Amino acid sequence: MDCSGLVNISECWGVRMVQMTCMTTKQKFEVETPEVVVLNNGRYAYRAKCPWTGAGGKELYAFKFASTTAHQEHVARQNPSTSFSEHSTEQDFASEEEA
């Protein structure tokens, strides 16, 4: 892959830097390719461990809303052998059961 024409090198290497805010300490920090999770309301969010600890050494986590594309990229990184076009639909399963 040729990266010479890109202004942002992260586009070339697939690295996504996301600026997060630890809500407990109110301090900002950057995370390289954070985990993307699905919240209870169905929306996607970046989730990263804060570099600071809370009272009693408690681990703190920061969340920031993410796009559907970010979630798809995260899933693709977790399962590099599976692409989205390979997944079967419910209609495919129904037709296989009838045969």
N, C-alpha and C. Protein backbone atom coordinates (compact mmCIF):
# COMPACT_ATOMS: atom_id res chain seq x y z
N MET A 1 0.85 -1.18 0.00
CA MET A 1 0.00 0.00 0.00
C MET A 1 0.89 1.23 0.00
N ASP A 2 0.59 2.18 -0.87
CA ASP A 2 1.37 3.40 -0.96
C ASP A 2 0.70 4.49 -0.14
N CYS A 3 1.42 5.03 0.83
CA CYS A 3 0.87 6.03 1.74
C CYS A 3 1.41 7.42 1.47
N SER A 4 2.12 7.60 0.37
CA SER A 4 2.80 8.87 0.13
C SER A 4 1.83 10.03 -0.08
N GLY A 5 0.65 9.79 -0.64
CA GLY A 5 -0.28 10.87 -0.93
C GLY A 5 -1.21 11.24 0.21
N LEU A 6 -1.15 10.50 1.31
CA LEU A 6 -2.08 10.74 2.41
C LEU A 6 -1.55 11.80 3.36
N VAL A 7 -2.44 12.68 3.79
CA VAL A 7 -2.07 13.70 4.77
C VAL A 7 -2.03 13.08 6.16
N ASN A 8 -2.99 12.22 6.48
CA ASN A 8 -3.09 11.60 7.79
C ASN A 8 -2.58 10.16 7.68
N ILE A 9 -1.45 9.87 8.30
CA ILE A 9 -0.84 8.55 8.19
C ILE A 9 -1.72 7.46 8.78
N SER A 10 -2.62 7.81 9.71
CA SER A 10 -3.49 6.81 10.31
C SER A 10 -4.42 6.19 9.28
N GLU A 11 -4.74 6.93 8.21
CA GLU A 11 -5.57 6.37 7.14
C GLU A 11 -4.86 5.23 6.45
N CYS A 12 -3.57 5.30 6.35
CA CYS A 12 -2.80 4.27 5.67
C CYS A 12 -2.70 2.99 6.49
N TRP A 13 -2.42 3.12 7.76
CA TRP A 13 -2.18 1.97 8.60
C TRP A 13 -3.44 1.44 9.27
N GLY A 14 -4.59 2.06 9.06
CA GLY A 14 -5.82 1.60 9.66
C GLY A 14 -5.91 1.91 11.15
N VAL A 15 -5.12 2.87 11.60
CA VAL A 15 -5.12 3.25 13.01
C VAL A 15 -6.10 4.40 13.18
N ARG A 16 -6.95 4.27 14.16
CA ARG A 16 -7.94 5.31 14.42
C ARG A 16 -7.66 5.87 15.81
N MET A 17 -7.23 7.14 15.86
CA MET A 17 -7.00 7.81 17.13
C MET A 17 -8.29 8.51 17.53
N VAL A 18 -8.78 8.22 18.73
CA VAL A 18 -10.01 8.81 19.22
C VAL A 18 -9.71 9.55 20.51
N GLN A 19 -10.15 10.80 20.58
CA GLN A 19 -9.97 11.56 21.81
C GLN A 19 -11.14 11.28 22.74
N MET A 20 -10.84 10.82 23.94
CA MET A 20 -11.84 10.45 24.92
C MET A 20 -11.72 11.39 26.11
N THR A 21 -12.79 11.48 26.90
CA THR A 21 -12.78 12.27 28.12
C THR A 21 -13.19 11.38 29.29
N CYS A 22 -12.33 11.32 30.28
CA CYS A 22 -12.66 10.58 31.51
C CYS A 22 -13.61 11.47 32.31
N MET A 23 -14.84 11.03 32.48
CA MET A 23 -15.85 11.87 33.12
C MET A 23 -15.59 12.09 34.60
N THR A 24 -14.87 11.18 35.25
CA THR A 24 -14.58 11.34 36.67
C THR A 24 -13.53 12.41 36.90
N THR A 25 -12.44 12.35 36.11
CA THR A 25 -11.34 13.31 36.29
C THR A 25 -11.47 14.53 35.40
N LYS A 26 -12.37 14.48 34.42
CA LYS A 26 -12.58 15.57 33.44
C LYS A 26 -11.31 15.84 32.62
N GLN A 27 -10.49 14.82 32.43
CA GLN A 27 -9.27 14.97 31.65
C GLN A 27 -9.41 14.22 30.34
N LYS A 28 -8.83 14.77 29.28
CA LYS A 28 -8.89 14.16 27.95
C LYS A 28 -7.66 13.30 27.72
N PHE A 29 -7.85 12.26 26.93
CA PHE A 29 -6.74 11.39 26.54
C PHE A 29 -7.07 10.78 25.19
N GLU A 30 -6.06 10.33 24.47
CA GLU A 30 -6.26 9.71 23.15
C GLU A 30 -6.04 8.21 23.25
N VAL A 31 -6.84 7.50 22.48
CA VAL A 31 -6.77 6.04 22.44
C VAL A 31 -6.62 5.61 20.99
N GLU A 32 -5.74 4.66 20.76
CA GLU A 32 -5.52 4.13 19.42
C GLU A 32 -6.43 2.93 19.21
N THR A 33 -7.28 2.97 18.20
CA THR A 33 -8.25 1.93 17.85
C THR A 33 -8.97 1.36 19.07
N PRO A 34 -9.82 2.15 19.71
CA PRO A 34 -10.54 1.66 20.90
C PRO A 34 -11.60 0.63 20.55
N GLU A 35 -12.01 -0.11 21.55
CA GLU A 35 -13.08 -1.10 21.41
C GLU A 35 -14.40 -0.38 21.10
N VAL A 36 -15.23 -0.97 20.25
CA VAL A 36 -16.56 -0.42 19.95
C VAL A 36 -17.59 -1.40 20.50
N VAL A 37 -18.50 -0.90 21.34
CA VAL A 37 -19.51 -1.74 21.97
C VAL A 37 -20.90 -1.24 21.57
N VAL A 38 -21.90 -2.11 21.79
CA VAL A 38 -23.29 -1.74 21.56
C VAL A 38 -23.91 -1.44 22.92
N LEU A 39 -24.46 -0.25 23.06
CA LEU A 39 -25.08 0.15 24.32
C LEU A 39 -26.48 -0.45 24.43
N ASN A 40 -27.08 -0.37 25.60
CA ASN A 40 -28.42 -0.91 25.83
C ASN A 40 -29.47 -0.28 24.92
N ASN A 41 -29.26 0.97 24.51
CA ASN A 41 -30.21 1.64 23.63
C ASN A 41 -29.97 1.32 22.16
N GLY A 42 -29.01 0.46 21.85
CA GLY A 42 -28.75 0.04 20.48
C GLY A 42 -27.73 0.89 19.74
N ARG A 43 -27.26 1.96 20.37
CA ARG A 43 -26.27 2.82 19.72
C ARG A 43 -24.87 2.26 19.96
N TYR A 44 -23.94 2.66 19.09
CA TYR A 44 -22.56 2.21 19.20
C TYR A 44 -21.74 3.24 19.96
N ALA A 45 -20.74 2.76 20.70
CA ALA A 45 -19.89 3.67 21.46
C ALA A 45 -18.47 3.10 21.56
N TYR A 46 -17.49 4.01 21.54
CA TYR A 46 -16.12 3.62 21.85
C TYR A 46 -16.05 3.42 23.36
N ARG A 47 -15.26 2.44 23.79
CA ARG A 47 -15.07 2.18 25.22
C ARG A 47 -13.58 2.02 25.45
N ALA A 48 -13.06 2.79 26.39
CA ALA A 48 -11.63 2.71 26.69
C ALA A 48 -11.40 2.90 28.18
N LYS A 49 -10.40 2.21 28.69
CA LYS A 49 -10.04 2.34 30.09
C LYS A 49 -9.29 3.66 30.27
N CYS A 50 -9.68 4.41 31.27
CA CYS A 50 -9.01 5.68 31.57
C CYS A 50 -7.62 5.39 32.15
N PRO A 51 -6.64 6.24 31.84
CA PRO A 51 -5.31 6.03 32.42
C PRO A 51 -5.23 6.37 33.90
N TRP A 52 -6.28 6.88 34.48
CA TRP A 52 -6.32 7.23 35.90
C TRP A 52 -7.22 6.25 36.63
N THR A 53 -7.04 6.16 37.94
CA THR A 53 -7.89 5.29 38.75
C THR A 53 -8.77 6.13 39.65
N GLY A 54 -9.89 5.56 40.03
CA GLY A 54 -10.82 6.25 40.92
C GLY A 54 -10.50 5.97 42.38
N ALA A 55 -11.42 6.32 43.23
CA ALA A 55 -11.27 6.12 44.67
C ALA A 55 -11.11 4.63 44.97
N GLY A 56 -10.15 4.30 45.78
CA GLY A 56 -9.93 2.91 46.15
C GLY A 56 -9.32 2.09 45.03
N GLY A 57 -8.70 2.72 44.04
CA GLY A 57 -8.07 2.00 42.94
C GLY A 57 -9.04 1.46 41.90
N LYS A 58 -10.26 1.98 41.89
CA LYS A 58 -11.29 1.52 40.95
C LYS A 58 -10.91 1.90 39.52
N GLU A 59 -11.09 0.95 38.59
CA GLU A 59 -10.82 1.22 37.18
C GLU A 59 -11.93 2.09 36.61
N LEU A 60 -11.55 3.11 35.85
CA LEU A 60 -12.51 4.01 35.23
C LEU A 60 -12.54 3.77 33.73
N TYR A 61 -13.72 3.89 33.13
CA TYR A 61 -13.88 3.71 31.69
C TYR A 61 -14.54 4.94 31.09
N ALA A 62 -14.10 5.29 29.89
CA ALA A 62 -14.68 6.41 29.16
C ALA A 62 -15.46 5.84 27.98
N PHE A 63 -16.59 6.48 27.67
CA PHE A 63 -17.42 6.10 26.53
C PHE A 63 -17.62 7.32 25.64
N LYS A 64 -17.70 7.08 24.35
CA LYS A 64 -17.96 8.16 23.39
C LYS A 64 -18.74 7.54 22.23
N PHE A 65 -19.81 8.21 21.81
CA PHE A 65 -20.62 7.65 20.72
C PHE A 65 -19.78 7.42 19.47
N ALA A 66 -20.07 6.33 18.77
CA ALA A 66 -19.35 5.95 17.57
C ALA A 66 -20.34 5.73 16.43
N SER A 67 -19.83 5.68 15.23
CA SER A 67 -20.67 5.47 14.05
C SER A 67 -20.84 3.98 13.77
N THR A 68 -21.80 3.68 12.92
CA THR A 68 -22.00 2.29 12.49
C THR A 68 -20.78 1.78 11.75
N THR A 69 -20.17 2.65 10.96
CA THR A 69 -18.95 2.28 10.22
C THR A 69 -17.83 1.91 11.18
N ALA A 70 -17.68 2.66 12.26
CA ALA A 70 -16.65 2.34 13.24
C ALA A 70 -16.90 0.97 13.86
N HIS A 71 -18.17 0.64 14.12
CA HIS A 71 -18.50 -0.67 14.68
C HIS A 71 -18.18 -1.77 13.67
N GLN A 72 -18.52 -1.56 12.42
CA GLN A 72 -18.22 -2.56 11.38
C GLN A 72 -16.72 -2.78 11.24
N GLU A 73 -15.94 -1.70 11.29
CA GLU A 73 -14.49 -1.82 11.21
C GLU A 73 -13.94 -2.59 12.41
N HIS A 74 -14.50 -2.34 13.58
CA HIS A 74 -14.06 -3.05 14.79
C HIS A 74 -14.35 -4.55 14.67
N VAL A 75 -15.53 -4.90 14.19
CA VAL A 75 -15.89 -6.30 14.01
C VAL A 75 -14.98 -6.95 12.97
N ALA A 76 -14.67 -6.23 11.91
CA ALA A 76 -13.79 -6.76 10.87
C ALA A 76 -12.38 -7.00 11.42
N ARG A 77 -11.91 -6.13 12.31
CA ARG A 77 -10.59 -6.32 12.93
C ARG A 77 -10.60 -7.54 13.85
N GLN A 78 -11.73 -7.79 14.52
CA GLN A 78 -11.82 -8.92 15.44
C GLN A 78 -11.89 -10.25 14.67
N ASN A 79 -12.56 -10.25 13.51
CA ASN A 79 -12.73 -11.45 12.69
C ASN A 79 -12.22 -11.17 11.28
N PRO A 80 -10.90 -11.14 11.07
CA PRO A 80 -10.37 -10.76 9.75
C PRO A 80 -10.73 -11.72 8.63
N SER A 81 -11.06 -12.98 8.95
CA SER A 81 -11.37 -13.95 7.90
C SER A 81 -12.81 -13.84 7.42
N THR A 82 -13.67 -13.12 8.13
CA THR A 82 -15.08 -13.01 7.78
C THR A 82 -15.38 -11.62 7.25
N SER A 83 -16.01 -11.56 6.08
CA SER A 83 -16.43 -10.27 5.57
C SER A 83 -17.95 -10.17 5.70
N PHE A 84 -18.46 -8.96 5.63
CA PHE A 84 -19.89 -8.74 5.81
C PHE A 84 -20.71 -9.35 4.68
N SER A 85 -20.16 -9.47 3.49
CA SER A 85 -20.91 -10.01 2.36
C SER A 85 -21.07 -11.53 2.46
N GLU A 86 -20.29 -12.19 3.31
CA GLU A 86 -20.37 -13.65 3.44
C GLU A 86 -21.50 -14.09 4.36
N HIS A 87 -22.05 -13.19 5.15
CA HIS A 87 -23.11 -13.57 6.08
C HIS A 87 -24.39 -13.90 5.32
N SER A 88 -25.06 -14.96 5.75
CA SER A 88 -26.32 -15.34 5.15
C SER A 88 -27.46 -14.54 5.76
N THR A 89 -28.50 -14.38 5.00
CA THR A 89 -29.68 -13.67 5.50
C THR A 89 -30.69 -14.69 6.00
N GLU A 90 -31.71 -14.22 6.69
CA GLU A 90 -32.76 -15.12 7.18
C GLU A 90 -33.45 -15.82 6.03
N GLN A 91 -33.58 -15.13 4.91
CA GLN A 91 -34.22 -15.74 3.74
C GLN A 91 -33.41 -16.91 3.22
N ASP A 92 -32.06 -16.82 3.27
CA ASP A 92 -31.21 -17.91 2.85
C ASP A 92 -31.43 -19.13 3.74
N PHE A 93 -31.57 -18.93 5.06
CA PHE A 93 -31.81 -20.03 5.96
C PHE A 93 -33.17 -20.68 5.70
N ALA A 94 -34.18 -19.88 5.41
CA ALA A 94 -35.52 -20.41 5.14
C ALA A 94 -35.49 -21.27 3.88
N SER A 95 -34.81 -20.82 2.84
CA SER A 95 -34.78 -21.58 1.59
C SER A 95 -34.00 -22.88 1.76
N GLU A 96 -32.97 -22.90 2.63
CA GLU A 96 -32.21 -24.12 2.89
C GLU A 96 -33.05 -25.13 3.65
N GLU A 97 -33.92 -24.69 4.56
CA GLU A 97 -34.74 -25.58 5.34
C GLU A 97 -35.82 -26.22 4.48
N GLU A 98 -36.33 -25.49 3.48
CA GLU A 98 -37.39 -26.01 2.61
C GLU A 98 -36.85 -27.08 1.67
N ALA A 99 -35.58 -27.01 1.33
CA ALA A 99 -35.02 -27.94 0.35
C ALA A 99 -34.80 -29.32 0.92
